[in-house]
Amino acid sequence: MYRNETLIVRQRKKTGKGTFYLLLVRSTWSVVHYCVANMPGAVARTSTFALNNATIGHAVALANKGWKAALRDNVHLKNGLNVCEGKVTYEAVARDLGYAYVTADSLLG
């Protein structure tokens, strides 16, 4: 069994119950839960601006350059590519699923 100071992070539908921000931690059946609903929802306007500010540059690059050129020019966009033209470009996914791994650079030209 787990010692008292062990922290287990998991999501369970049966024991997890959303709570409010003043009561973030509760205990059920000797299991400590931290289960708050949608943190950005508490500051919806602010989080929307933050998300827009973080992503607008990527959207503009994709629109102006096309997806291949945008990914070639931006390592962050390229790192988000998992499958391209039917080939797996994420090494861990290819390994775990038994597919051949192909570098994104080889497909982006």
C-alpha atoms as a PDB file:
ATOM      1  CA  MET A   1       0.000   0.000   0.000  1.00  0.00           C
ATOM      2  CA  TYR A   2       1.056   3.616  -0.448  1.00  0.00           C
ATOM      3  CA  ARG A   3       2.590   5.624   2.371  1.00  0.00           C
ATOM      4  CA  ASN A   4       0.623   8.663   3.541  1.00  0.00           C
ATOM      5  CA  GLU A   5       2.906  11.175   1.826  1.00  0.00           C
ATOM      6  CA  THR A   6       2.580   9.551  -1.613  1.00  0.00           C
ATOM      7  CA  LEU A   7       0.819  11.725  -4.172  1.00  0.00           C
ATOM      8  CA  ILE A   8      -1.097   9.916  -6.887  1.00  0.00           C
ATOM      9  CA  VAL A   9      -2.251  12.000  -9.843  1.00  0.00           C
ATOM     10  CA  ARG A  10      -4.922  10.378 -11.952  1.00  0.00           C
ATOM     11  CA  GLN A  11      -8.288  11.073 -13.428  1.00  0.00           C
ATOM     12  CA  ARG A  12     -11.168   8.933 -12.294  1.00  0.00           C
ATOM     13  CA  LYS A  13     -14.777   9.495 -13.130  1.00  0.00           C
ATOM     14  CA  LYS A  14     -16.069   7.564 -10.112  1.00  0.00           C
ATOM     15  CA  THR A  15     -14.167   9.368  -7.358  1.00  0.00           C
ATOM     16  CA  GLY A  16     -13.223  12.653  -9.023  1.00  0.00           C
ATOM     17  CA  LYS A  17     -15.700  15.434  -8.393  1.00  0.00           C
ATOM     18  CA  GLY A  18     -15.235  19.008  -9.583  1.00  0.00           C
ATOM     19  CA  THR A  19     -15.040  21.509  -6.773  1.00  0.00           C
ATOM     20  CA  PHE A  20     -14.664  25.240  -6.385  1.00  0.00           C
ATOM     21  CA  TYR A  21     -11.463  27.238  -6.069  1.00  0.00           C
ATOM     22  CA  LEU A  22     -11.625  27.735  -2.290  1.00  0.00           C
ATOM     23  CA  LEU A  23     -11.773  23.979  -1.685  1.00  0.00           C
ATOM     24  CA  LEU A  24      -9.210  22.591  -4.114  1.00  0.00           C
ATOM     25  CA  VAL A  25      -8.340  19.384  -2.260  1.00  0.00           C
ATOM     26  CA  ARG A  26     -10.709  16.849  -0.748  1.00  0.00           C
ATOM     27  CA  SER A  27     -10.411  13.306   0.508  1.00  0.00           C
ATOM     28  CA  THR A  28     -12.564  10.340  -0.408  1.00  0.00           C
ATOM     29  CA  TRP A  29     -11.859   6.782   0.746  1.00  0.00           C
ATOM     30  CA  SER A  30      -8.424   7.913   1.991  1.00  0.00           C
ATOM     31  CA  VAL A  31      -7.528   9.208  -1.476  1.00  0.00           C
ATOM     32  CA  VAL A  32      -6.648  12.895  -1.772  1.00  0.00           C
ATOM     33  CA  HIS A  33      -8.196  14.540  -4.833  1.00  0.00           C
ATOM     34  CA  TYR A  34      -7.333  17.759  -6.599  1.00  0.00           C
ATOM     35  CA  CYS A  35     -10.113  18.103  -9.111  1.00  0.00           C
ATOM     36  CA  VAL A  36     -11.025  21.545 -10.385  1.00  0.00           C
ATOM     37  CA  ALA A  37     -12.956  22.130 -13.530  1.00  0.00           C
ATOM     38  CA  ASN A  38     -11.568  24.134 -16.475  1.00  0.00           C
ATOM     39  CA  MET A  39      -9.113  26.582 -14.888  1.00  0.00           C
ATOM     40  CA  PRO A  40      -9.090  28.951 -17.929  1.00  0.00           C
ATOM     41  CA  GLY A  41     -12.877  29.136 -17.612  1.00  0.00           C
ATOM     42  CA  ALA A  42     -12.441  31.150 -14.421  1.00  0.00           C
ATOM     43  CA  VAL A  43     -10.845  33.953 -16.464  1.00  0.00           C
ATOM     44  CA  ALA A  44     -12.341  33.299 -19.879  1.00  0.00           C
ATOM     45  CA  ARG A  45     -11.651  36.688 -21.454  1.00  0.00           C
ATOM     46  CA  THR A  46      -8.037  36.820 -20.263  1.00  0.00           C
ATOM     47  CA  SER A  47      -7.295  33.226 -21.244  1.00  0.00           C
ATOM     48  CA  THR A  48      -8.821  33.802 -24.687  1.00  0.00           C
ATOM     49  CA  PHE A  49      -6.528  36.782 -25.273  1.00  0.00           C
ATOM     50  CA  ALA A  50      -3.536  34.771 -24.046  1.00  0.00           C
ATOM     51  CA  LEU A  51      -4.352  31.853 -26.368  1.00  0.00           C
ATOM     52  CA  ASN A  52      -4.881  34.190 -29.320  1.00  0.00           C
ATOM     53  CA  ASN A  53      -1.620  36.019 -28.649  1.00  0.00           C
ATOM     54  CA  ALA A  54       0.272  32.734 -28.399  1.00  0.00           C
ATOM     55  CA  THR A  55      -1.131  31.217 -31.592  1.00  0.00           C
ATOM     56  CA  ILE A  56      -1.818  34.102 -34.009  1.00  0.00           C
ATOM     57  CA  GLY A  57       1.754  34.123 -35.326  1.00  0.00           C
ATOM     58  CA  HIS A  58       1.483  30.449 -36.257  1.00  0.00           C
ATOM     59  CA  ALA A  59      -1.864  30.979 -37.979  1.00  0.00           C
ATOM     60  CA  VAL A  60      -0.512  33.938 -39.960  1.00  0.00           C
ATOM     61  CA  ALA A  61       2.579  31.955 -40.996  1.00  0.00           C
ATOM     62  CA  LEU A  62       0.430  29.035 -42.163  1.00  0.00           C
ATOM     63  CA  ALA A  63      -1.870  31.368 -44.105  1.00  0.00           C
ATOM     64  CA  ASN A  64       0.928  33.390 -45.724  1.00  0.00           C
ATOM     65  CA  LYS A  65       3.435  30.638 -46.480  1.00  0.00           C
ATOM     66  CA  GLY A  66       1.357  27.480 -46.800  1.00  0.00           C
ATOM     67  CA  TRP A  67       1.745  24.608 -44.365  1.00  0.00           C
ATOM     68  CA  LYS A  68       4.946  23.071 -45.764  1.00  0.00           C
ATOM     69  CA  ALA A  69       6.944  26.308 -45.871  1.00  0.00           C
ATOM     70  CA  ALA A  70       5.610  27.384 -42.475  1.00  0.00           C
ATOM     71  CA  LEU A  71       6.736  24.086 -40.910  1.00  0.00           C
ATOM     72  CA  ARG A  72      10.136  24.260 -42.642  1.00  0.00           C
ATOM     73  CA  ASP A  73      10.689  27.757 -41.239  1.00  0.00           C
ATOM     74  CA  ASN A  74       9.373  27.172 -37.705  1.00  0.00           C
ATOM     75  CA  VAL A  75      10.743  24.370 -35.536  1.00  0.00           C
ATOM     76  CA  HIS A  76       7.793  24.617 -33.134  1.00  0.00           C
ATOM     77  CA  LEU A  77       5.263  23.997 -35.878  1.00  0.00           C
ATOM     78  CA  LYS A  78       7.428  21.210 -37.301  1.00  0.00           C
ATOM     79  CA  ASN A  79       7.678  19.538 -33.876  1.00  0.00           C
ATOM     80  CA  GLY A  80       3.877  19.345 -33.814  1.00  0.00           C
ATOM     81  CA  LEU A  81       3.778  17.243 -36.979  1.00  0.00           C
ATOM     82  CA  ASN A  82       2.962  13.596 -36.245  1.00  0.00           C
ATOM     83  CA  VAL A  83       1.818  12.192 -39.590  1.00  0.00           C
ATOM     84  CA  CYS A  84       2.436  13.579 -43.045  1.00  0.00           C
ATOM     85  CA  GLU A  85       1.453  12.062 -46.396  1.00  0.00           C
ATOM     86  CA  GLY A  86       0.642   8.780 -44.665  1.00  0.00           C
ATOM     87  CA  LYS A  87       4.042   8.535 -42.949  1.00  0.00           C
ATOM     88  CA  VAL A  88       4.711   8.820 -39.213  1.00  0.00           C
ATOM     89  CA  THR A  89       7.030  11.726 -38.453  1.00  0.00           C
ATOM     90  CA  TYR A  90       7.098  11.355 -34.673  1.00  0.00           C
ATOM     91  CA  GLU A  91       9.702   8.796 -33.660  1.00  0.00           C
ATOM     92  CA  ALA A  92       8.109   7.589 -30.401  1.00  0.00           C
ATOM     93  CA  VAL A  93       4.721   7.104 -32.073  1.00  0.00           C
ATOM     94  CA  ALA A  94       6.274   5.156 -34.963  1.00  0.00           C
ATOM     95  CA  ARG A  95       8.246   2.954 -32.550  1.00  0.00           C
ATOM     96  CA  ASP A  96       5.322   2.263 -30.216  1.00  0.00           C
ATOM     97  CA  LEU A  97       2.890   1.487 -33.043  1.00  0.00           C
ATOM     98  CA  GLY A  98       5.335  -0.471 -35.174  1.00  0.00           C
ATOM     99  CA  TYR A  99       5.484   1.940 -38.113  1.00  0.00           C
ATOM    100  CA  ALA A 100       8.516   3.156 -40.012  1.00  0.00           C
ATOM    101  CA  TYR A 101       9.770   6.523 -38.819  1.00  0.00           C
ATOM    102  CA  VAL A 102      10.365   9.221 -41.417  1.00  0.00           C
ATOM    103  CA  THR A 103      11.847  12.610 -40.553  1.00  0.00           C
ATOM    104  CA  ALA A 104       9.608  15.603 -41.102  1.00  0.00           C
ATOM    105  CA  ASP A 105      12.418  17.352 -42.987  1.00  0.00           C
ATOM    106  CA  SER A 106      12.499  14.597 -45.610  1.00  0.00           C
ATOM    107  CA  LEU A 107       8.806  15.180 -46.363  1.00  0.00           C
ATOM    108  CA  LEU A 108       8.814  18.963 -46.190  1.00  0.00           C
ATOM    109  CA  GLY A 109      11.446  19.309 -48.881  1.00  0.00           C
END
